[in-house]
N, C-alpha and C. Protein backbone atom coordinates (compact mmCIF):
# COMPACT_ATOMS: atom_id res chain seq x y z
N MET A 1 -18.58 -1.10 12.81
CA MET A 1 -18.34 -0.04 13.78
C MET A 1 -17.32 -0.54 14.82
N ASN A 2 -16.33 0.25 15.02
CA ASN A 2 -15.27 -0.12 15.97
C ASN A 2 -15.70 0.28 17.37
N THR A 3 -15.87 -0.75 18.23
CA THR A 3 -16.33 -0.48 19.61
C THR A 3 -15.22 -0.66 20.64
N SER A 4 -13.97 -0.88 20.14
CA SER A 4 -12.87 -1.09 21.09
C SER A 4 -12.58 0.19 21.87
N ALA A 5 -12.27 0.02 23.12
CA ALA A 5 -12.01 1.18 23.98
C ALA A 5 -10.68 1.82 23.59
N THR A 6 -10.67 3.11 23.57
CA THR A 6 -9.45 3.84 23.25
C THR A 6 -8.60 3.98 24.50
N ALA A 7 -7.35 3.53 24.40
CA ALA A 7 -6.47 3.60 25.57
C ALA A 7 -6.11 5.03 25.89
N LEU A 8 -6.20 5.37 27.14
CA LEU A 8 -5.85 6.71 27.58
C LEU A 8 -4.34 6.84 27.72
N GLY A 9 -3.86 8.02 27.44
CA GLY A 9 -2.43 8.27 27.60
C GLY A 9 -2.05 8.29 29.07
N SER A 10 -0.79 8.00 29.33
CA SER A 10 -0.33 8.00 30.72
C SER A 10 -0.35 9.42 31.28
N GLY A 11 -0.61 9.52 32.55
CA GLY A 11 -0.65 10.83 33.20
C GLY A 11 0.74 11.42 33.37
N PRO A 12 0.80 12.63 33.85
CA PRO A 12 2.11 13.27 34.05
C PRO A 12 2.93 12.51 35.09
N LYS A 13 4.21 12.47 34.85
CA LYS A 13 5.09 11.79 35.79
C LYS A 13 5.16 12.55 37.11
N VAL A 14 5.14 11.80 38.18
CA VAL A 14 5.22 12.41 39.50
C VAL A 14 6.67 12.77 39.80
N VAL A 15 6.89 14.03 40.06
CA VAL A 15 8.23 14.50 40.37
C VAL A 15 8.46 14.40 41.88
N MET A 16 9.47 13.64 42.26
CA MET A 16 9.78 13.48 43.68
C MET A 16 10.52 14.72 44.19
N ARG A 17 9.88 15.43 45.07
CA ARG A 17 10.49 16.62 45.64
C ARG A 17 11.13 16.26 46.99
N ARG A 18 12.32 16.76 47.19
CA ARG A 18 13.04 16.46 48.42
C ARG A 18 13.49 17.76 49.08
N PRO A 19 12.55 18.47 49.70
CA PRO A 19 12.89 19.77 50.29
C PRO A 19 13.91 19.67 51.41
N THR A 20 13.91 18.55 52.14
CA THR A 20 14.88 18.42 53.24
C THR A 20 16.30 18.36 52.71
N LEU A 21 16.50 17.60 51.64
CA LEU A 21 17.83 17.51 51.04
C LEU A 21 18.26 18.85 50.45
N VAL A 22 17.30 19.54 49.81
CA VAL A 22 17.61 20.85 49.22
C VAL A 22 18.00 21.84 50.32
N LEU A 23 17.23 21.84 51.41
CA LEU A 23 17.52 22.74 52.53
C LEU A 23 18.88 22.43 53.14
N SER A 24 19.18 21.14 53.30
CA SER A 24 20.49 20.76 53.84
C SER A 24 21.61 21.18 52.91
N GLY A 25 21.40 21.04 51.60
CA GLY A 25 22.41 21.47 50.64
C GLY A 25 22.65 22.97 50.68
N LEU A 26 21.55 23.74 50.80
CA LEU A 26 21.69 25.19 50.89
C LEU A 26 22.40 25.60 52.18
N LEU A 27 22.04 24.94 53.28
CA LEU A 27 22.69 25.24 54.56
C LEU A 27 24.17 24.90 54.51
N SER A 28 24.50 23.80 53.86
CA SER A 28 25.91 23.42 53.71
C SER A 28 26.67 24.44 52.87
N ALA A 29 26.04 24.90 51.79
CA ALA A 29 26.69 25.89 50.93
C ALA A 29 26.90 27.21 51.65
N VAL A 30 25.88 27.65 52.40
CA VAL A 30 26.01 28.90 53.16
C VAL A 30 27.10 28.78 54.21
N SER A 31 27.15 27.64 54.90
CA SER A 31 28.18 27.43 55.92
C SER A 31 29.57 27.46 55.31
N ALA A 32 29.71 26.81 54.14
CA ALA A 32 31.01 26.77 53.48
C ALA A 32 31.44 28.16 53.02
N MET A 33 30.51 28.94 52.47
CA MET A 33 30.85 30.29 52.02
C MET A 33 31.20 31.20 53.19
N LEU A 34 30.46 31.06 54.29
CA LEU A 34 30.75 31.87 55.47
C LEU A 34 32.14 31.58 56.00
N MET A 35 32.46 30.30 56.19
CA MET A 35 33.76 29.95 56.71
C MET A 35 34.87 30.25 55.70
N GLY A 36 34.59 30.07 54.43
CA GLY A 36 35.59 30.39 53.42
C GLY A 36 35.97 31.86 53.44
N SER A 37 34.97 32.73 53.61
CA SER A 37 35.25 34.17 53.67
C SER A 37 36.04 34.52 54.94
N MET A 38 35.72 33.85 56.04
CA MET A 38 36.43 34.13 57.29
C MET A 38 37.89 33.65 57.22
N LEU A 39 38.10 32.50 56.60
CA LEU A 39 39.48 32.02 56.45
C LEU A 39 40.27 32.88 55.49
N ALA A 40 39.58 33.46 54.49
CA ALA A 40 40.26 34.38 53.57
C ALA A 40 40.73 35.62 54.32
N ILE A 41 39.88 36.14 55.21
CA ILE A 41 40.28 37.29 56.03
C ILE A 41 41.43 36.92 56.94
N TRP A 42 41.36 35.71 57.52
CA TRP A 42 42.44 35.21 58.39
C TRP A 42 43.77 35.21 57.63
N LEU A 43 43.78 34.65 56.42
CA LEU A 43 45.01 34.58 55.62
C LEU A 43 45.50 35.97 55.23
N ASP A 44 44.56 36.88 54.98
CA ASP A 44 44.95 38.25 54.64
C ASP A 44 45.61 38.94 55.83
N PHE A 45 45.02 38.77 57.01
CA PHE A 45 45.62 39.32 58.24
C PHE A 45 47.03 38.77 58.45
N ARG A 46 47.16 37.45 58.25
CA ARG A 46 48.44 36.82 58.50
C ARG A 46 49.50 37.27 57.49
N SER A 47 49.11 37.45 56.25
CA SER A 47 50.07 37.87 55.22
C SER A 47 50.56 39.30 55.43
N LYS A 48 49.75 40.11 56.10
CA LYS A 48 50.12 41.51 56.33
C LYS A 48 50.80 41.73 57.68
N ALA A 49 50.97 40.67 58.44
CA ALA A 49 51.63 40.80 59.75
C ALA A 49 53.10 41.13 59.55
N PRO A 50 53.69 41.92 60.44
CA PRO A 50 55.12 42.28 60.30
C PRO A 50 56.02 41.07 60.53
N LEU A 51 57.24 41.15 60.02
CA LEU A 51 58.20 40.06 60.18
C LEU A 51 58.95 40.20 61.50
N ARG A 52 59.33 39.05 62.07
CA ARG A 52 60.18 39.05 63.26
C ARG A 52 61.19 37.91 63.13
N GLU A 53 62.27 38.03 63.84
CA GLU A 53 63.31 37.00 63.80
C GLU A 53 62.94 35.83 64.70
N SER A 54 63.20 34.61 64.24
CA SER A 54 62.90 33.43 65.05
C SER A 54 63.79 33.40 66.28
N SER A 55 63.41 32.56 67.24
CA SER A 55 64.14 32.52 68.51
C SER A 55 65.60 32.10 68.33
N ASP A 56 65.88 31.26 67.33
CA ASP A 56 67.27 30.84 67.11
C ASP A 56 67.99 31.73 66.10
N GLY A 57 67.26 32.74 65.57
CA GLY A 57 67.87 33.68 64.64
C GLY A 57 68.15 33.14 63.26
N SER A 58 67.59 31.98 62.93
CA SER A 58 67.89 31.36 61.63
C SER A 58 66.94 31.79 60.52
N MET A 59 65.78 32.36 60.87
CA MET A 59 64.81 32.73 59.83
C MET A 59 63.93 33.87 60.32
N MET A 60 63.22 34.45 59.36
CA MET A 60 62.26 35.51 59.65
C MET A 60 60.85 34.93 59.60
N LEU A 61 60.06 35.24 60.60
CA LEU A 61 58.71 34.72 60.70
C LEU A 61 57.70 35.87 60.71
N ARG A 62 56.48 35.55 60.25
CA ARG A 62 55.41 36.53 60.35
C ARG A 62 54.98 36.66 61.81
N ASP A 63 54.92 37.86 62.31
CA ASP A 63 54.55 38.10 63.70
C ASP A 63 53.02 38.10 63.82
N TRP A 64 52.44 36.93 63.54
CA TRP A 64 50.98 36.78 63.57
C TRP A 64 50.55 36.04 64.83
N LEU A 65 51.15 34.88 65.06
CA LEU A 65 50.86 34.12 66.27
C LEU A 65 51.81 34.56 67.38
N PRO A 66 51.28 35.15 68.46
CA PRO A 66 52.15 35.56 69.56
C PRO A 66 52.98 34.40 70.11
N GLU A 67 54.21 34.70 70.50
CA GLU A 67 55.13 33.65 70.95
C GLU A 67 54.64 32.93 72.20
N ASN A 68 53.88 33.63 73.04
CA ASN A 68 53.45 33.02 74.30
C ASN A 68 52.22 32.13 74.16
N ILE A 69 51.66 32.03 72.95
CA ILE A 69 50.46 31.22 72.74
C ILE A 69 50.85 29.87 72.15
N LYS A 70 50.43 28.82 72.80
CA LYS A 70 50.68 27.47 72.34
C LYS A 70 49.35 26.80 72.01
N ILE A 71 49.25 26.30 70.79
CA ILE A 71 48.02 25.62 70.37
C ILE A 71 48.09 24.15 70.79
N PRO A 72 47.11 23.66 71.53
CA PRO A 72 47.11 22.25 71.97
C PRO A 72 46.83 21.32 70.78
N GLU A 73 47.88 20.78 70.21
CA GLU A 73 47.74 19.99 68.99
C GLU A 73 47.03 18.66 69.22
N VAL A 74 47.16 18.08 70.40
CA VAL A 74 46.49 16.81 70.66
C VAL A 74 44.97 16.99 70.55
N ALA A 75 44.44 18.03 71.16
CA ALA A 75 42.99 18.26 71.13
C ALA A 75 42.51 18.57 69.72
N THR A 76 43.27 19.38 68.98
CA THR A 76 42.85 19.74 67.62
C THR A 76 42.90 18.54 66.68
N ASN A 77 43.93 17.71 66.81
CA ASN A 77 44.01 16.52 65.97
C ASN A 77 42.93 15.51 66.34
N THR A 78 42.60 15.45 67.62
CA THR A 78 41.52 14.57 68.06
C THR A 78 40.19 15.01 67.45
N MET A 79 39.97 16.31 67.37
CA MET A 79 38.75 16.81 66.74
C MET A 79 38.66 16.37 65.29
N MET A 80 39.78 16.45 64.58
CA MET A 80 39.79 16.06 63.17
C MET A 80 39.45 14.58 63.02
N MET A 81 40.02 13.74 63.86
CA MET A 81 39.74 12.31 63.79
C MET A 81 38.30 12.00 64.20
N THR A 82 37.77 12.78 65.15
CA THR A 82 36.40 12.59 65.58
C THR A 82 35.42 12.90 64.46
N PHE A 83 35.73 13.87 63.63
CA PHE A 83 34.87 14.18 62.49
C PHE A 83 34.81 13.01 61.52
N VAL A 84 35.91 12.28 61.37
CA VAL A 84 35.90 11.10 60.50
C VAL A 84 34.92 10.07 61.03
N ILE A 85 34.95 9.85 62.35
CA ILE A 85 34.01 8.90 62.97
C ILE A 85 32.58 9.38 62.78
N THR A 86 32.36 10.68 62.92
CA THR A 86 31.02 11.26 62.74
C THR A 86 30.47 10.95 61.36
N CYS A 87 31.30 11.14 60.34
CA CYS A 87 30.86 10.90 58.96
C CYS A 87 30.57 9.42 58.72
N VAL A 88 31.39 8.55 59.27
CA VAL A 88 31.17 7.11 59.11
C VAL A 88 29.85 6.70 59.76
N MET A 89 29.58 7.20 60.95
CA MET A 89 28.35 6.86 61.65
C MET A 89 27.12 7.46 60.95
N ALA A 90 27.26 8.66 60.41
CA ALA A 90 26.16 9.28 59.67
C ALA A 90 25.82 8.46 58.43
N GLN A 91 26.84 7.94 57.76
CA GLN A 91 26.60 7.10 56.59
C GLN A 91 25.99 5.76 56.98
N TRP A 92 26.38 5.25 58.14
CA TRP A 92 25.76 4.02 58.63
C TRP A 92 24.27 4.23 58.89
N ALA A 93 23.92 5.39 59.40
CA ALA A 93 22.51 5.71 59.62
C ALA A 93 21.74 5.72 58.30
N VAL A 94 22.34 6.28 57.26
CA VAL A 94 21.70 6.29 55.94
C VAL A 94 21.52 4.85 55.44
N TYR A 95 22.57 4.05 55.58
CA TYR A 95 22.53 2.65 55.16
C TYR A 95 21.41 1.89 55.87
N SER A 96 21.29 2.08 57.17
CA SER A 96 20.27 1.38 57.95
C SER A 96 18.87 1.88 57.62
N SER A 97 18.76 3.18 57.41
CA SER A 97 17.44 3.76 57.09
C SER A 97 16.91 3.22 55.77
N ARG A 98 17.79 3.07 54.79
CA ARG A 98 17.36 2.55 53.49
C ARG A 98 16.87 1.11 53.58
N ARG A 99 17.30 0.41 54.61
CA ARG A 99 16.88 -0.98 54.80
C ARG A 99 15.82 -1.11 55.89
N ASN A 100 15.22 0.04 56.26
CA ASN A 100 14.16 0.06 57.28
C ASN A 100 14.58 -0.68 58.55
N ASP A 101 15.76 -0.33 59.01
CA ASP A 101 16.32 -0.95 60.22
C ASP A 101 16.37 0.12 61.31
N PRO A 102 15.27 0.30 62.07
CA PRO A 102 15.22 1.39 63.05
C PRO A 102 16.22 1.24 64.18
N LYS A 103 16.52 0.00 64.55
CA LYS A 103 17.44 -0.23 65.66
C LYS A 103 18.83 0.33 65.35
N HIS A 104 19.36 -0.03 64.19
CA HIS A 104 20.71 0.41 63.84
C HIS A 104 20.73 1.87 63.38
N THR A 105 19.62 2.36 62.83
CA THR A 105 19.54 3.78 62.48
C THR A 105 19.66 4.63 63.74
N SER A 106 18.89 4.25 64.77
CA SER A 106 18.94 5.00 66.03
C SER A 106 20.31 4.87 66.69
N LEU A 107 20.90 3.68 66.63
CA LEU A 107 22.22 3.47 67.23
C LEU A 107 23.26 4.35 66.55
N ALA A 108 23.24 4.38 65.22
CA ALA A 108 24.21 5.19 64.48
C ALA A 108 24.03 6.67 64.78
N LEU A 109 22.79 7.14 64.82
CA LEU A 109 22.54 8.55 65.12
C LEU A 109 22.94 8.88 66.56
N GLY A 110 22.75 7.92 67.47
CA GLY A 110 23.18 8.13 68.85
C GLY A 110 24.69 8.29 68.96
N VAL A 111 25.43 7.50 68.18
CA VAL A 111 26.89 7.63 68.19
C VAL A 111 27.30 8.97 67.59
N VAL A 112 26.61 9.40 66.54
CA VAL A 112 26.89 10.72 65.95
C VAL A 112 26.69 11.81 67.00
N LEU A 113 25.62 11.71 67.77
CA LEU A 113 25.36 12.69 68.82
C LEU A 113 26.48 12.71 69.84
N LEU A 114 26.96 11.54 70.23
CA LEU A 114 28.07 11.47 71.20
C LEU A 114 29.34 12.10 70.63
N THR A 115 29.62 11.87 69.36
CA THR A 115 30.83 12.47 68.76
C THR A 115 30.70 13.99 68.69
N GLU A 116 29.50 14.49 68.47
CA GLU A 116 29.31 15.95 68.42
C GLU A 116 29.51 16.55 69.82
N ILE A 117 29.04 15.85 70.84
CA ILE A 117 29.30 16.31 72.21
C ILE A 117 30.79 16.31 72.48
N ALA A 118 31.49 15.28 72.01
CA ALA A 118 32.94 15.21 72.19
C ALA A 118 33.65 16.35 71.45
N LEU A 119 33.15 16.72 70.29
CA LEU A 119 33.75 17.84 69.54
C LEU A 119 33.60 19.15 70.29
N ILE A 120 32.42 19.39 70.84
CA ILE A 120 32.20 20.61 71.61
C ILE A 120 33.09 20.62 72.85
N ASN A 121 33.19 19.48 73.51
CA ASN A 121 34.04 19.37 74.69
C ASN A 121 35.50 19.65 74.34
N ALA A 122 35.97 19.12 73.21
CA ALA A 122 37.36 19.34 72.79
C ALA A 122 37.62 20.81 72.48
N GLN A 123 36.64 21.48 71.84
CA GLN A 123 36.83 22.89 71.53
C GLN A 123 36.87 23.74 72.79
N VAL A 124 36.03 23.42 73.75
CA VAL A 124 36.07 24.14 75.03
C VAL A 124 37.41 23.90 75.73
N ALA A 125 37.93 22.67 75.65
CA ALA A 125 39.23 22.36 76.25
C ALA A 125 40.34 23.17 75.59
N ILE A 126 40.25 23.38 74.28
CA ILE A 126 41.23 24.20 73.57
C ILE A 126 41.21 25.63 74.09
N TYR A 127 40.01 26.18 74.27
CA TYR A 127 39.89 27.53 74.82
C TYR A 127 40.53 27.62 76.20
N LEU A 128 40.25 26.65 77.03
CA LEU A 128 40.77 26.68 78.40
C LEU A 128 42.29 26.54 78.42
N GLN A 129 42.83 25.68 77.57
CA GLN A 129 44.27 25.48 77.56
C GLN A 129 45.02 26.68 76.99
N MET A 130 44.43 27.33 75.98
CA MET A 130 45.11 28.49 75.38
C MET A 130 45.01 29.71 76.29
N ASP A 131 43.88 29.84 76.99
CA ASP A 131 43.71 30.90 78.00
C ASP A 131 44.04 32.28 77.42
N ILE A 132 43.33 32.65 76.34
CA ILE A 132 43.53 33.96 75.72
C ILE A 132 42.20 34.71 75.73
N ALA A 133 42.28 36.03 75.68
CA ALA A 133 41.10 36.88 75.67
C ALA A 133 40.89 37.46 74.28
N VAL A 134 39.64 37.75 73.95
CA VAL A 134 39.31 38.26 72.62
C VAL A 134 40.02 39.58 72.34
N ARG A 135 40.14 40.44 73.33
CA ARG A 135 40.67 41.79 73.11
C ARG A 135 42.19 41.87 73.22
N ASP A 136 42.85 40.74 73.34
CA ASP A 136 44.31 40.77 73.51
C ASP A 136 45.06 41.12 72.23
N GLY A 137 44.43 40.99 71.08
CA GLY A 137 45.11 41.31 69.82
C GLY A 137 44.31 40.84 68.63
N SER A 138 44.82 41.13 67.42
CA SER A 138 44.11 40.77 66.20
C SER A 138 44.04 39.26 66.02
N TYR A 139 45.10 38.56 66.41
CA TYR A 139 45.08 37.11 66.29
C TYR A 139 43.98 36.52 67.17
N MET A 140 43.90 36.97 68.40
CA MET A 140 42.91 36.43 69.33
C MET A 140 41.49 36.70 68.83
N MET A 141 41.29 37.91 68.30
CA MET A 141 39.97 38.27 67.80
C MET A 141 39.56 37.36 66.65
N MET A 142 40.47 37.16 65.69
CA MET A 142 40.18 36.30 64.54
C MET A 142 40.04 34.84 64.97
N PHE A 143 40.85 34.42 65.90
CA PHE A 143 40.79 33.03 66.37
C PHE A 143 39.42 32.72 66.95
N TYR A 144 38.93 33.59 67.82
CA TYR A 144 37.62 33.35 68.41
C TYR A 144 36.50 33.49 67.38
N ALA A 145 36.65 34.40 66.44
CA ALA A 145 35.62 34.56 65.41
C ALA A 145 35.48 33.30 64.58
N VAL A 146 36.61 32.75 64.15
CA VAL A 146 36.58 31.54 63.30
C VAL A 146 36.12 30.32 64.08
N THR A 147 36.70 30.11 65.26
CA THR A 147 36.40 28.88 66.00
C THR A 147 35.00 28.87 66.60
N THR A 148 34.50 30.03 67.03
CA THR A 148 33.13 30.05 67.55
C THR A 148 32.11 29.87 66.43
N THR A 149 32.44 30.36 65.23
CA THR A 149 31.56 30.10 64.08
C THR A 149 31.53 28.62 63.77
N MET A 150 32.69 27.98 63.82
CA MET A 150 32.75 26.53 63.60
C MET A 150 31.98 25.79 64.70
N LEU A 151 32.10 26.26 65.92
CA LEU A 151 31.39 25.65 67.04
C LEU A 151 29.88 25.78 66.85
N THR A 152 29.44 26.92 66.34
CA THR A 152 28.01 27.12 66.07
C THR A 152 27.51 26.13 65.03
N MET A 153 28.31 25.88 64.01
CA MET A 153 27.92 24.90 62.98
C MET A 153 27.79 23.50 63.58
N ILE A 154 28.68 23.16 64.51
CA ILE A 154 28.60 21.85 65.16
C ILE A 154 27.32 21.76 65.99
N VAL A 155 26.96 22.84 66.68
CA VAL A 155 25.74 22.85 67.49
C VAL A 155 24.51 22.71 66.58
N ILE A 156 24.52 23.38 65.42
CA ILE A 156 23.41 23.24 64.46
C ILE A 156 23.30 21.79 64.00
N CYS A 157 24.44 21.19 63.72
CA CYS A 157 24.45 19.78 63.31
C CYS A 157 23.93 18.89 64.42
N MET A 158 24.24 19.23 65.66
CA MET A 158 23.73 18.46 66.79
C MET A 158 22.20 18.53 66.85
N GLY A 159 21.65 19.71 66.61
CA GLY A 159 20.19 19.84 66.58
C GLY A 159 19.59 18.99 65.46
N PHE A 160 20.27 18.98 64.30
CA PHE A 160 19.85 18.14 63.18
C PHE A 160 19.88 16.66 63.59
N THR A 161 20.93 16.27 64.29
CA THR A 161 21.06 14.88 64.74
C THR A 161 19.94 14.51 65.71
N LEU A 162 19.64 15.41 66.65
CA LEU A 162 18.58 15.15 67.62
C LEU A 162 17.23 14.97 66.92
N LEU A 163 16.96 15.81 65.92
CA LEU A 163 15.71 15.70 65.17
C LEU A 163 15.61 14.34 64.48
N ALA A 164 16.69 13.95 63.79
CA ALA A 164 16.69 12.66 63.09
C ALA A 164 16.59 11.50 64.09
N LEU A 165 17.25 11.63 65.23
CA LEU A 165 17.23 10.57 66.24
C LEU A 165 15.84 10.41 66.84
N PHE A 166 15.19 11.52 67.19
CA PHE A 166 13.85 11.44 67.77
C PHE A 166 12.85 10.82 66.79
N ARG A 167 12.98 11.18 65.52
CA ARG A 167 12.08 10.61 64.52
C ARG A 167 12.35 9.12 64.33
N SER A 168 13.62 8.74 64.42
CA SER A 168 13.95 7.33 64.28
C SER A 168 13.41 6.53 65.46
N ILE A 169 13.58 7.05 66.67
CA ILE A 169 13.07 6.37 67.86
C ILE A 169 11.54 6.32 67.83
N GLY A 170 10.92 7.35 67.24
CA GLY A 170 9.46 7.40 67.15
C GLY A 170 8.88 6.56 66.03
N GLY A 171 9.69 5.76 65.38
CA GLY A 171 9.17 4.87 64.34
C GLY A 171 9.28 5.42 62.94
N ARG A 172 10.07 6.46 62.75
CA ARG A 172 10.25 7.04 61.41
C ARG A 172 11.64 6.73 60.86
N ALA A 173 12.16 5.57 61.14
CA ALA A 173 13.51 5.21 60.68
C ALA A 173 13.58 5.15 59.15
N GLY A 174 12.42 4.95 58.51
CA GLY A 174 12.41 4.90 57.05
C GLY A 174 12.39 6.26 56.39
N ASP A 175 12.44 7.32 57.18
CA ASP A 175 12.47 8.68 56.63
C ASP A 175 13.85 8.94 56.03
N ARG A 176 14.07 8.43 54.83
CA ARG A 176 15.40 8.44 54.24
C ARG A 176 15.89 9.84 53.93
N ASP A 177 14.98 10.71 53.49
CA ASP A 177 15.41 12.05 53.11
C ASP A 177 16.01 12.80 54.29
N LEU A 178 15.39 12.70 55.45
CA LEU A 178 15.90 13.41 56.62
C LEU A 178 17.27 12.86 57.03
N VAL A 179 17.40 11.54 57.05
CA VAL A 179 18.67 10.93 57.45
C VAL A 179 19.76 11.25 56.43
N SER A 180 19.40 11.24 55.15
CA SER A 180 20.37 11.58 54.10
C SER A 180 20.77 13.05 54.18
N ALA A 181 19.79 13.92 54.46
CA ALA A 181 20.09 15.35 54.60
C ALA A 181 21.00 15.59 55.80
N HIS A 182 20.76 14.86 56.87
CA HIS A 182 21.61 14.96 58.06
C HIS A 182 23.04 14.54 57.72
N ALA A 183 23.19 13.44 56.99
CA ALA A 183 24.52 12.97 56.61
C ALA A 183 25.22 14.00 55.71
N LEU A 184 24.47 14.61 54.80
CA LEU A 184 25.05 15.61 53.92
C LEU A 184 25.63 16.77 54.70
N TYR A 185 24.91 17.23 55.72
CA TYR A 185 25.42 18.35 56.51
C TYR A 185 26.62 17.93 57.37
N CYS A 186 26.59 16.68 57.84
CA CYS A 186 27.75 16.17 58.58
C CYS A 186 29.00 16.18 57.70
N TYR A 187 28.85 15.73 56.45
CA TYR A 187 29.98 15.74 55.53
C TYR A 187 30.47 17.16 55.30
N ALA A 188 29.51 18.08 55.14
CA ALA A 188 29.87 19.47 54.85
C ALA A 188 30.68 20.09 55.98
N ILE A 189 30.22 19.94 57.22
CA ILE A 189 30.95 20.57 58.32
C ILE A 189 32.27 19.85 58.58
N ALA A 190 32.35 18.57 58.23
CA ALA A 190 33.63 17.87 58.36
C ALA A 190 34.66 18.46 57.40
N VAL A 191 34.24 18.74 56.17
CA VAL A 191 35.14 19.36 55.19
C VAL A 191 35.51 20.78 55.63
N ILE A 192 34.52 21.51 56.13
CA ILE A 192 34.77 22.87 56.60
C ILE A 192 35.77 22.86 57.75
N PHE A 193 35.58 21.93 58.69
CA PHE A 193 36.52 21.87 59.81
C PHE A 193 37.91 21.47 59.34
N ALA A 194 38.00 20.62 58.33
CA ALA A 194 39.31 20.24 57.81
C ALA A 194 40.07 21.48 57.33
N ALA A 195 39.33 22.41 56.69
CA ALA A 195 39.96 23.66 56.25
C ALA A 195 40.38 24.51 57.45
N VAL A 196 39.51 24.59 58.46
CA VAL A 196 39.84 25.35 59.67
C VAL A 196 41.04 24.72 60.38
N TRP A 197 41.03 23.42 60.50
CA TRP A 197 42.13 22.69 61.16
C TRP A 197 43.45 22.97 60.46
N PHE A 198 43.46 22.95 59.14
CA PHE A 198 44.71 23.15 58.40
C PHE A 198 45.20 24.60 58.49
N VAL A 199 44.28 25.55 58.32
CA VAL A 199 44.68 26.96 58.28
C VAL A 199 44.96 27.50 59.68
N VAL A 200 44.08 27.23 60.63
CA VAL A 200 44.17 27.83 61.96
C VAL A 200 45.08 27.06 62.89
N TYR A 201 44.98 25.73 62.87
CA TYR A 201 45.70 24.93 63.85
C TYR A 201 47.03 24.36 63.34
N VAL A 202 47.11 24.04 62.05
CA VAL A 202 48.33 23.45 61.51
C VAL A 202 49.29 24.54 61.01
N GLN A 203 48.80 25.36 60.09
CA GLN A 203 49.64 26.45 59.58
C GLN A 203 49.82 27.55 60.61
N LYS A 204 48.83 27.72 61.45
CA LYS A 204 48.84 28.76 62.49
C LYS A 204 48.92 30.14 61.87
C-alpha cells in the first residue's frame, strides 16, 4: 500500500494590481487628448486667418498673431527647460524609492514641487508681460484657453507631488507605485507642454 503523501498543485498565481499606475496612465492619456484637440483647433484657427503683408513688404503672413502682441520668449523657454529638471527629479525620486531611501526620495520630490511652483510663476509672468484680455480677439481667447488648461495640468501634478511627498515624509518612501505614477504624469505633462511650447510660443 502506497502511503506517500500526494503533493498538492501550486495555487493560482497572485496578480499584482497597480491601480495607481493605471489611474496615472489614464489621467495622462486624457490630458494628452484634451490638449491635442485644443491644439488642433488652434492650428485650424490659424490656417483660416486672413493674409497680411509683412512690415517690410517682403512676404505675406497669416493675420493670426496681432502685431502689437509680443511673446516673452525668455520666460517660455525657461518653462521648457524647467520641465526637463522636473522629469529628472521625478526619476530620481523613483530611483530612491526603489532603494528604500526616504531621505533622497523626499528631497527629489521637494525639488519637483519647487520646479512646479516656478512653472506656475513663469506662466503668470507671461500673462502679465503680454497684458492681453480674453475678449480682445480670437487669438487671445484661444491663447488663454490653451495656456490655462496647461496651467491646470501643472496644478494637478503639483497636488500629485504633494501627496507623494507627504507619504514619503510620513515613512512611506517605499511606496513605489505612487512615486512611479507621479513620475509618469510628470513625463506626460512635460511632453504635452513641449507641444504647447512649439505650437503656441515658437510657431505662434
